[in-house]
Each structure stands twice: as C-alpha cells, then as structure tokens.
Amino acid sequence: FSFIAPMVLVCCWELVERVVGIMWSGGVGQEWRRVVLRRMAGKGVIG
C-alpha cells in the first residue's frame, strides 16, 4: 500500500493539474500549486 498510494496520488495530482491548467491561466495555476505544495510541506507530507 505504501508503494501504491503515492503512485495513485501522483496520477490524481497530474489529472487535477491538467484540469486546473485548463480552467485557470498558468499564473493562477502556479500560485495555487505553490500554496498547496507549501501547505503539504508544512504538514510533512513532502520534503
């Protein structure tokens, strides 16, 4: 499970990124991604 879960999360993340990229402009998408990554890093999910 510990190996499968990250792969699923990455696939979902890429899908979400693509949808967000289509809905928003690149600038807004990058800012949103930066905020999410910072929040995840703060919780110790990544980094």
Protein backbone atom coordinates (compact mmCIF):
# COMPACT_ATOMS: atom_id res chain seq x y z
CA PHE A 1 0.00 0.00 0.00
CA SER A 2 2.79 2.39 0.87
CA PHE A 3 4.12 1.99 -2.67
CA ILE A 4 0.78 2.12 -4.48
CA ALA A 5 -0.66 5.13 -2.65
CA PRO A 6 1.99 7.65 -3.84
CA MET A 7 1.57 6.45 -7.44
CA VAL A 8 -2.20 6.95 -7.22
CA LEU A 9 -1.68 10.38 -5.65
CA VAL A 10 0.72 11.37 -8.44
CA CYS A 11 -1.75 10.25 -11.12
CA CYS A 12 -4.57 12.14 -9.42
CA TRP A 13 -2.32 15.17 -8.96
CA GLU A 14 -1.41 15.21 -12.68
CA LEU A 15 -5.10 14.97 -13.59
CA VAL A 16 -6.00 17.79 -11.19
CA GLU A 17 -3.12 19.89 -12.52
CA ARG A 18 -4.35 19.40 -16.08
CA VAL A 19 -7.92 20.35 -15.19
CA VAL A 20 -6.75 23.38 -13.22
CA GLY A 21 -4.48 24.39 -16.08
CA ILE A 22 -7.42 24.29 -18.48
CA MET A 23 -9.74 26.19 -16.14
CA TRP A 24 -7.26 28.82 -14.99
CA SER A 25 -4.42 30.72 -16.55
CA GLY A 26 -0.86 29.49 -15.99
CA GLY A 27 -0.12 32.21 -13.43
CA VAL A 28 -3.08 31.39 -11.20
CA GLY A 29 -2.36 27.67 -11.51
CA GLN A 30 1.27 28.13 -10.50
CA GLU A 31 0.32 30.23 -7.49
CA TRP A 32 -2.28 27.65 -6.42
CA ARG A 33 0.23 24.83 -6.79
CA ARG A 34 2.83 26.76 -4.78
CA VAL A 35 0.34 27.30 -1.94
CA VAL A 36 -0.68 23.64 -1.93
CA LEU A 37 2.91 22.42 -2.01
CA ARG A 38 3.84 24.77 0.83
CA ARG A 39 0.88 23.54 2.86
CA MET A 40 1.76 19.89 2.19
CA ALA A 41 5.40 20.50 3.10
CA GLY A 42 4.25 22.18 6.32
CA LYS A 43 2.30 19.05 7.23
CA GLY A 44 5.32 16.88 6.47
CA VAL A 45 3.67 15.11 3.52
CA ILE A 46 6.59 16.00 1.24
CA GLY A 47 10.06 17.27 1.93
